[in-house]
């Protein structure tokens, strides 16, 4: 009985000795990946909105409409996975979608001011630095 039990116990110990460090390393890598992904999303949202502002100021309405669609689609996607404390601000920004779209379609020159205001709100909700969008895995 001891001869059968000893190899089983040794195999279990060997398995755990290899499994536990790999499991902990994977969990650490997953957390870092989520943080980097969230930081990338934050920066991409800022870049998309800033580029949209420039396109509106330059009077390139077709490009601005395309960028607006990309920005709001990305913002919607990010809002679904964001930390709960930033979701209300992101949803408030999403509420501007119809106004921005109709203003860009009409060629309203006041759109740049509204977009700048949105940019300020976005940067306050998602300050530069550690990812504020990341939901802990």
N, C-alpha and C. Protein backbone atom coordinates (compact mmCIF):
# COMPACT_ATOMS: atom_id res chain seq x y z
N UNK A 1 0.81 -1.18 0.00
CA UNK A 1 0.00 0.00 0.00
C UNK A 1 0.86 1.26 0.00
N UNK A 2 1.95 1.24 0.81
CA UNK A 2 2.83 2.40 0.86
C UNK A 2 3.52 2.62 -0.47
N UNK A 3 3.83 1.54 -1.17
CA UNK A 3 4.50 1.66 -2.46
C UNK A 3 3.60 2.31 -3.51
N UNK A 4 2.33 2.12 -3.41
CA UNK A 4 1.38 2.71 -4.36
C UNK A 4 1.09 4.16 -3.98
N UNK A 5 0.94 4.42 -2.71
CA UNK A 5 0.57 5.75 -2.23
C UNK A 5 1.71 6.75 -2.39
N UNK A 6 2.93 6.36 -2.14
CA UNK A 6 4.07 7.27 -2.23
C UNK A 6 4.25 7.86 -3.63
N UNK A 7 4.22 7.10 -4.71
CA UNK A 7 4.35 7.70 -6.04
C UNK A 7 3.19 8.64 -6.39
N UNK A 8 2.00 8.33 -5.90
CA UNK A 8 0.85 9.20 -6.16
C UNK A 8 1.04 10.54 -5.46
N UNK A 9 1.49 10.49 -4.22
CA UNK A 9 1.73 11.72 -3.47
C UNK A 9 2.86 12.53 -4.11
N UNK A 10 3.93 11.87 -4.51
CA UNK A 10 5.03 12.57 -5.16
C UNK A 10 4.60 13.20 -6.49
N UNK A 11 3.78 12.50 -7.23
CA UNK A 11 3.27 13.04 -8.50
C UNK A 11 2.39 14.26 -8.25
N UNK A 12 1.57 14.21 -7.23
CA UNK A 12 0.70 15.36 -6.90
C UNK A 12 1.53 16.56 -6.47
N UNK A 13 2.54 16.32 -5.65
CA UNK A 13 3.42 17.41 -5.20
C UNK A 13 4.18 18.00 -6.40
N UNK A 14 4.68 17.16 -7.27
CA UNK A 14 5.40 17.64 -8.46
C UNK A 14 4.47 18.46 -9.36
N UNK A 15 3.26 17.99 -9.52
CA UNK A 15 2.28 18.71 -10.33
C UNK A 15 2.02 20.09 -9.75
N UNK A 16 1.75 20.14 -8.45
CA UNK A 16 1.46 21.42 -7.81
C UNK A 16 2.68 22.35 -7.83
N UNK A 17 3.86 21.78 -7.69
CA UNK A 17 5.08 22.59 -7.72
C UNK A 17 5.26 23.27 -9.07
N UNK A 18 4.80 22.66 -10.13
CA UNK A 18 4.88 23.27 -11.46
C UNK A 18 3.66 24.11 -11.79
N UNK A 19 2.50 23.72 -11.31
CA UNK A 19 1.25 24.39 -11.65
C UNK A 19 1.08 25.74 -10.96
N UNK A 20 1.32 25.79 -9.67
CA UNK A 20 1.06 27.00 -8.90
C UNK A 20 1.88 28.20 -9.40
N UNK A 21 3.18 28.09 -9.61
CA UNK A 21 3.92 29.25 -10.12
C UNK A 21 3.43 29.69 -11.51
N UNK A 22 3.10 28.73 -12.37
CA UNK A 22 2.59 29.08 -13.70
C UNK A 22 1.23 29.77 -13.60
N UNK A 23 0.39 29.31 -12.72
CA UNK A 23 -0.92 29.91 -12.52
C UNK A 23 -0.78 31.35 -12.04
N UNK A 24 0.09 31.57 -11.05
CA UNK A 24 0.30 32.92 -10.52
C UNK A 24 0.91 33.85 -11.57
N UNK A 25 1.84 33.33 -12.36
CA UNK A 25 2.46 34.14 -13.42
C UNK A 25 1.42 34.51 -14.48
N UNK A 26 0.56 33.58 -14.85
CA UNK A 26 -0.48 33.86 -15.84
C UNK A 26 -1.45 34.90 -15.32
N UNK A 27 -1.82 34.80 -14.07
CA UNK A 27 -2.74 35.77 -13.49
C UNK A 27 -2.12 37.17 -13.50
N UNK A 28 -0.84 37.26 -13.20
CA UNK A 28 -0.13 38.54 -13.22
C UNK A 28 -0.09 39.10 -14.64
N UNK A 29 0.21 38.28 -15.61
CA UNK A 29 0.26 38.71 -17.00
C UNK A 29 -1.13 39.15 -17.48
N UNK A 30 -2.17 38.43 -17.10
CA UNK A 30 -3.53 38.81 -17.48
C UNK A 30 -3.91 40.18 -16.91
N UNK A 31 -3.52 40.44 -15.67
CA UNK A 31 -3.80 41.73 -15.04
C UNK A 31 -3.07 42.84 -15.77
N UNK A 32 -1.80 42.63 -16.07
CA UNK A 32 -1.03 43.65 -16.79
C UNK A 32 -1.58 43.88 -18.18
N UNK A 33 -2.00 42.83 -18.85
CA UNK A 33 -2.59 42.96 -20.19
C UNK A 33 -3.87 43.78 -20.13
N UNK A 34 -4.70 43.54 -19.15
CA UNK A 34 -5.95 44.30 -19.00
C UNK A 34 -5.65 45.78 -18.76
N UNK A 35 -4.61 46.06 -17.96
CA UNK A 35 -4.25 47.45 -17.68
C UNK A 35 -3.71 48.14 -18.93
N UNK A 36 -2.87 47.46 -19.68
CA UNK A 36 -2.32 48.04 -20.91
C UNK A 36 -3.42 48.24 -21.94
N UNK A 37 -4.32 47.30 -22.05
CA UNK A 37 -5.43 47.42 -22.99
C UNK A 37 -6.32 48.61 -22.63
N UNK A 38 -6.61 48.78 -21.35
CA UNK A 38 -7.43 49.90 -20.91
C UNK A 38 -6.72 51.23 -21.15
N UNK A 39 -5.43 51.28 -20.90
CA UNK A 39 -4.67 52.51 -21.15
C UNK A 39 -4.66 52.83 -22.64
N UNK A 40 -4.54 51.81 -23.46
CA UNK A 40 -4.60 51.99 -24.91
C UNK A 40 -5.97 52.54 -25.33
N UNK A 41 -7.03 52.00 -24.74
CA UNK A 41 -8.38 52.50 -25.04
C UNK A 41 -8.52 53.97 -24.64
N UNK A 42 -8.01 54.32 -23.46
CA UNK A 42 -8.08 55.71 -23.00
C UNK A 42 -7.39 56.64 -24.00
N UNK A 43 -6.20 56.27 -24.40
CA UNK A 43 -5.44 57.12 -25.31
C UNK A 43 -6.08 57.18 -26.69
N UNK A 44 -6.62 56.06 -27.15
CA UNK A 44 -7.27 56.05 -28.46
C UNK A 44 -8.52 56.93 -28.45
N UNK A 45 -9.29 56.89 -27.38
CA UNK A 45 -10.46 57.76 -27.29
C UNK A 45 -10.06 59.23 -27.36
N UNK A 46 -9.03 59.60 -26.62
CA UNK A 46 -8.55 60.99 -26.66
C UNK A 46 -8.08 61.37 -28.06
N UNK A 47 -7.33 60.49 -28.68
CA UNK A 47 -6.81 60.75 -30.02
C UNK A 47 -7.94 60.88 -31.03
N UNK A 48 -8.92 59.98 -30.97
CA UNK A 48 -10.05 60.05 -31.90
C UNK A 48 -10.81 61.35 -31.74
N UNK A 49 -11.06 61.75 -30.51
CA UNK A 49 -11.81 62.98 -30.28
C UNK A 49 -11.00 64.21 -30.69
N UNK A 50 -9.73 64.22 -30.40
CA UNK A 50 -8.88 65.35 -30.80
C UNK A 50 -8.81 65.45 -32.32
N UNK A 51 -8.69 64.33 -32.99
CA UNK A 51 -8.65 64.33 -34.45
C UNK A 51 -9.98 64.79 -35.01
N UNK A 52 -11.06 64.40 -34.39
CA UNK A 52 -12.39 64.85 -34.81
C UNK A 52 -12.50 66.37 -34.70
N UNK A 53 -12.00 66.92 -33.62
CA UNK A 53 -12.02 68.38 -33.43
C UNK A 53 -11.25 69.07 -34.55
N UNK A 54 -10.08 68.55 -34.87
CA UNK A 54 -9.26 69.14 -35.94
C UNK A 54 -10.00 69.07 -37.28
N UNK A 55 -10.61 67.95 -37.57
CA UNK A 55 -11.34 67.80 -38.84
C UNK A 55 -12.50 68.79 -38.92
N UNK A 56 -13.20 68.99 -37.82
CA UNK A 56 -14.31 69.95 -37.80
C UNK A 56 -13.77 71.36 -38.00
N UNK A 57 -12.69 71.70 -37.30
CA UNK A 57 -12.11 73.04 -37.44
C UNK A 57 -11.60 73.30 -38.85
N UNK A 58 -11.15 72.26 -39.53
CA UNK A 58 -10.65 72.39 -40.90
C UNK A 58 -11.78 72.35 -41.93
N UNK A 59 -12.99 72.10 -41.48
CA UNK A 59 -14.14 72.09 -42.38
C UNK A 59 -14.27 70.83 -43.22
N UNK A 60 -13.63 69.77 -42.80
CA UNK A 60 -13.71 68.50 -43.53
C UNK A 60 -14.83 67.65 -42.93
N UNK A 61 -16.05 67.96 -43.37
CA UNK A 61 -17.22 67.36 -42.73
C UNK A 61 -17.35 65.87 -43.01
N UNK A 62 -16.99 65.41 -44.19
CA UNK A 62 -17.11 63.98 -44.49
C UNK A 62 -16.18 63.16 -43.58
N UNK A 63 -14.94 63.61 -43.45
CA UNK A 63 -13.99 62.92 -42.58
C UNK A 63 -14.44 63.03 -41.12
N UNK A 64 -14.99 64.18 -40.77
CA UNK A 64 -15.45 64.38 -39.39
C UNK A 64 -16.60 63.42 -39.05
N UNK A 65 -17.52 63.23 -39.98
CA UNK A 65 -18.63 62.30 -39.73
C UNK A 65 -18.10 60.87 -39.55
N UNK A 66 -17.14 60.48 -40.39
CA UNK A 66 -16.56 59.14 -40.26
C UNK A 66 -15.86 58.98 -38.92
N UNK A 67 -15.08 59.98 -38.54
CA UNK A 67 -14.37 59.92 -37.25
C UNK A 67 -15.35 59.93 -36.08
N UNK A 68 -16.43 60.68 -36.23
CA UNK A 68 -17.44 60.72 -35.18
C UNK A 68 -18.03 59.34 -34.96
N UNK A 69 -18.34 58.65 -36.04
CA UNK A 69 -18.88 57.29 -35.93
C UNK A 69 -17.88 56.37 -35.24
N UNK A 70 -16.62 56.45 -35.65
CA UNK A 70 -15.59 55.61 -35.04
C UNK A 70 -15.44 55.91 -33.55
N UNK A 71 -15.41 57.21 -33.22
CA UNK A 71 -15.25 57.61 -31.82
C UNK A 71 -16.40 57.11 -30.97
N UNK A 72 -17.62 57.35 -31.39
CA UNK A 72 -18.77 56.96 -30.57
C UNK A 72 -18.94 55.44 -30.50
N UNK A 73 -18.61 54.74 -31.58
CA UNK A 73 -18.65 53.27 -31.53
C UNK A 73 -17.62 52.74 -30.52
N UNK A 74 -16.42 53.31 -30.56
CA UNK A 74 -15.37 52.89 -29.62
C UNK A 74 -15.76 53.26 -28.19
N UNK A 75 -16.31 54.45 -28.01
CA UNK A 75 -16.74 54.89 -26.68
C UNK A 75 -17.82 53.96 -26.13
N UNK A 76 -18.74 53.56 -26.98
CA UNK A 76 -19.79 52.62 -26.56
C UNK A 76 -19.18 51.28 -26.12
N UNK A 77 -18.24 50.79 -26.90
CA UNK A 77 -17.58 49.51 -26.59
C UNK A 77 -16.83 49.61 -25.26
N UNK A 78 -16.12 50.71 -25.07
CA UNK A 78 -15.34 50.90 -23.84
C UNK A 78 -16.25 51.04 -22.62
N UNK A 79 -17.37 51.71 -22.81
CA UNK A 79 -18.30 51.93 -21.69
C UNK A 79 -18.82 50.61 -21.13
N UNK A 80 -19.00 49.63 -21.99
CA UNK A 80 -19.53 48.34 -21.55
C UNK A 80 -18.59 47.58 -20.61
N UNK A 81 -17.29 47.87 -20.69
CA UNK A 81 -16.33 47.14 -19.87
C UNK A 81 -15.58 48.03 -18.88
N UNK A 82 -15.99 49.28 -18.77
CA UNK A 82 -15.28 50.24 -17.91
C UNK A 82 -15.60 50.02 -16.44
N UNK A 83 -14.74 50.59 -15.61
CA UNK A 83 -14.99 50.55 -14.17
C UNK A 83 -16.27 51.33 -13.86
N UNK A 84 -17.01 50.88 -12.87
CA UNK A 84 -18.30 51.51 -12.56
C UNK A 84 -18.23 53.01 -12.28
N UNK A 85 -17.14 53.48 -11.69
CA UNK A 85 -17.06 54.90 -11.33
C UNK A 85 -16.92 55.83 -12.53
N UNK A 86 -16.48 55.33 -13.69
CA UNK A 86 -16.36 56.19 -14.87
C UNK A 86 -17.51 56.01 -15.86
N UNK A 87 -18.33 55.00 -15.65
CA UNK A 87 -19.43 54.71 -16.58
C UNK A 87 -20.40 55.88 -16.73
N UNK A 88 -20.84 56.56 -15.64
CA UNK A 88 -21.79 57.67 -15.83
C UNK A 88 -21.24 58.77 -16.74
N UNK A 89 -19.98 59.11 -16.58
CA UNK A 89 -19.39 60.15 -17.44
C UNK A 89 -19.32 59.69 -18.88
N UNK A 90 -18.93 58.44 -19.10
CA UNK A 90 -18.84 57.92 -20.46
C UNK A 90 -20.23 57.86 -21.10
N UNK A 91 -21.24 57.48 -20.34
CA UNK A 91 -22.60 57.45 -20.87
C UNK A 91 -23.09 58.86 -21.19
N UNK A 92 -22.71 59.83 -20.35
CA UNK A 92 -23.09 61.22 -20.64
C UNK A 92 -22.46 61.69 -21.95
N UNK A 93 -21.24 61.26 -22.21
CA UNK A 93 -20.59 61.60 -23.48
C UNK A 93 -21.31 60.92 -24.65
N UNK A 94 -21.73 59.69 -24.44
CA UNK A 94 -22.48 58.97 -25.48
C UNK A 94 -23.80 59.65 -25.81
N UNK A 95 -24.39 60.32 -24.83
CA UNK A 95 -25.66 61.01 -25.05
C UNK A 95 -25.54 62.14 -26.08
N UNK A 96 -24.31 62.59 -26.35
CA UNK A 96 -24.09 63.66 -27.32
C UNK A 96 -24.07 63.15 -28.77
N UNK A 97 -24.11 61.86 -28.94
CA UNK A 97 -23.93 61.28 -30.27
C UNK A 97 -24.89 61.85 -31.32
N UNK A 98 -26.17 61.87 -31.01
CA UNK A 98 -27.15 62.34 -32.00
C UNK A 98 -26.96 63.83 -32.31
N UNK A 99 -26.69 64.64 -31.28
CA UNK A 99 -26.46 66.08 -31.51
C UNK A 99 -25.23 66.30 -32.38
N UNK A 100 -24.17 65.58 -32.09
CA UNK A 100 -22.93 65.74 -32.86
C UNK A 100 -23.15 65.28 -34.30
N UNK A 101 -23.80 64.15 -34.46
CA UNK A 101 -24.03 63.62 -35.81
C UNK A 101 -24.88 64.58 -36.63
N UNK A 102 -25.96 65.09 -36.06
CA UNK A 102 -26.81 66.01 -36.81
C UNK A 102 -26.10 67.34 -37.06
N UNK A 103 -25.31 67.80 -36.09
CA UNK A 103 -24.55 69.04 -36.28
C UNK A 103 -23.50 68.91 -37.36
N UNK A 104 -22.84 67.76 -37.41
CA UNK A 104 -21.83 67.54 -38.45
C UNK A 104 -22.49 67.42 -39.83
N UNK A 105 -23.63 66.78 -39.88
CA UNK A 105 -24.36 66.64 -41.14
C UNK A 105 -24.81 68.00 -41.65
N UNK A 106 -25.25 68.86 -40.74
CA UNK A 106 -25.72 70.20 -41.12
C UNK A 106 -24.57 71.17 -41.35
N UNK A 107 -23.36 70.77 -40.98
CA UNK A 107 -22.21 71.67 -41.13
C UNK A 107 -22.21 72.79 -40.11
N UNK A 108 -22.76 72.54 -38.94
CA UNK A 108 -22.84 73.53 -37.87
C UNK A 108 -21.44 73.88 -37.37
N UNK A 109 -21.05 75.17 -37.47
CA UNK A 109 -19.70 75.56 -37.03
C UNK A 109 -19.50 75.50 -35.51
N UNK A 110 -20.59 75.43 -34.75
CA UNK A 110 -20.48 75.37 -33.30
C UNK A 110 -20.10 73.99 -32.77
N UNK A 111 -19.99 73.03 -33.65
CA UNK A 111 -19.66 71.67 -33.23
C UNK A 111 -18.28 71.58 -32.58
N UNK A 112 -17.34 72.38 -33.06
CA UNK A 112 -15.98 72.33 -32.50
C UNK A 112 -16.00 72.68 -31.02
N UNK A 113 -16.80 73.67 -30.63
CA UNK A 113 -16.88 74.05 -29.21
C UNK A 113 -17.48 72.92 -28.38
N UNK A 114 -18.52 72.29 -28.90
CA UNK A 114 -19.14 71.19 -28.17
C UNK A 114 -18.17 70.02 -28.05
N UNK A 115 -17.43 69.76 -29.11
CA UNK A 115 -16.45 68.66 -29.07
C UNK A 115 -15.31 68.97 -28.09
N UNK A 116 -14.89 70.23 -28.04
CA UNK A 116 -13.84 70.61 -27.08
C UNK A 116 -14.33 70.40 -25.65
N UNK A 117 -15.58 70.75 -25.40
CA UNK A 117 -16.16 70.53 -24.07
C UNK A 117 -16.19 69.04 -23.74
N UNK A 118 -16.53 68.23 -24.72
CA UNK A 118 -16.51 66.78 -24.52
C UNK A 118 -15.10 66.29 -24.24
N UNK A 119 -14.12 66.87 -24.92
CA UNK A 119 -12.73 66.47 -24.71
C UNK A 119 -12.30 66.75 -23.27
N UNK A 120 -12.71 67.90 -22.75
CA UNK A 120 -12.39 68.24 -21.35
C UNK A 120 -13.04 67.22 -20.42
N UNK A 121 -14.31 66.91 -20.66
CA UNK A 121 -15.01 65.92 -19.82
C UNK A 121 -14.33 64.56 -19.89
N UNK A 122 -13.92 64.17 -21.10
CA UNK A 122 -13.26 62.88 -21.28
C UNK A 122 -11.93 62.83 -20.54
N UNK A 123 -11.13 63.88 -20.66
CA UNK A 123 -9.82 63.87 -19.99
C UNK A 123 -9.95 63.95 -18.47
N UNK A 124 -11.02 64.57 -17.99
CA UNK A 124 -11.23 64.59 -16.54
C UNK A 124 -11.70 63.22 -16.04
N UNK A 125 -12.51 62.54 -16.83
CA UNK A 125 -12.99 61.22 -16.43
C UNK A 125 -11.89 60.17 -16.54
N UNK A 126 -11.02 60.34 -17.54
CA UNK A 126 -9.95 59.38 -17.80
C UNK A 126 -8.61 60.10 -17.81
N UNK A 127 -8.11 60.49 -16.64
CA UNK A 127 -6.84 61.21 -16.61
C UNK A 127 -5.67 60.35 -17.09
N UNK A 128 -4.65 61.02 -17.60
CA UNK A 128 -3.45 60.31 -18.05
C UNK A 128 -2.81 59.65 -16.84
N UNK A 129 -2.23 58.51 -17.06
CA UNK A 129 -1.59 57.77 -15.98
C UNK A 129 -2.11 56.36 -15.94
N UNK A 130 -2.17 55.76 -14.77
CA UNK A 130 -2.66 54.38 -14.69
C UNK A 130 -4.05 54.28 -15.29
N UNK A 131 -4.31 53.18 -15.93
CA UNK A 131 -5.57 52.99 -16.62
C UNK A 131 -6.74 53.10 -15.65
N UNK A 132 -7.67 54.01 -15.94
CA UNK A 132 -8.86 54.15 -15.10
C UNK A 132 -10.04 53.41 -15.68
N UNK A 133 -9.85 52.81 -16.85
CA UNK A 133 -10.93 52.03 -17.45
C UNK A 133 -10.89 50.57 -17.04
N UNK A 134 -9.70 50.09 -16.68
CA UNK A 134 -9.51 48.65 -16.47
C UNK A 134 -10.37 48.12 -15.34
N UNK A 135 -11.07 47.07 -15.64
CA UNK A 135 -11.79 46.33 -14.62
C UNK A 135 -10.88 45.19 -14.21
N UNK A 136 -10.67 45.04 -12.93
CA UNK A 136 -9.76 44.01 -12.44
C UNK A 136 -10.29 42.63 -12.81
N UNK A 137 -9.43 41.77 -13.39
CA UNK A 137 -9.89 40.42 -13.75
C UNK A 137 -10.18 39.57 -12.54
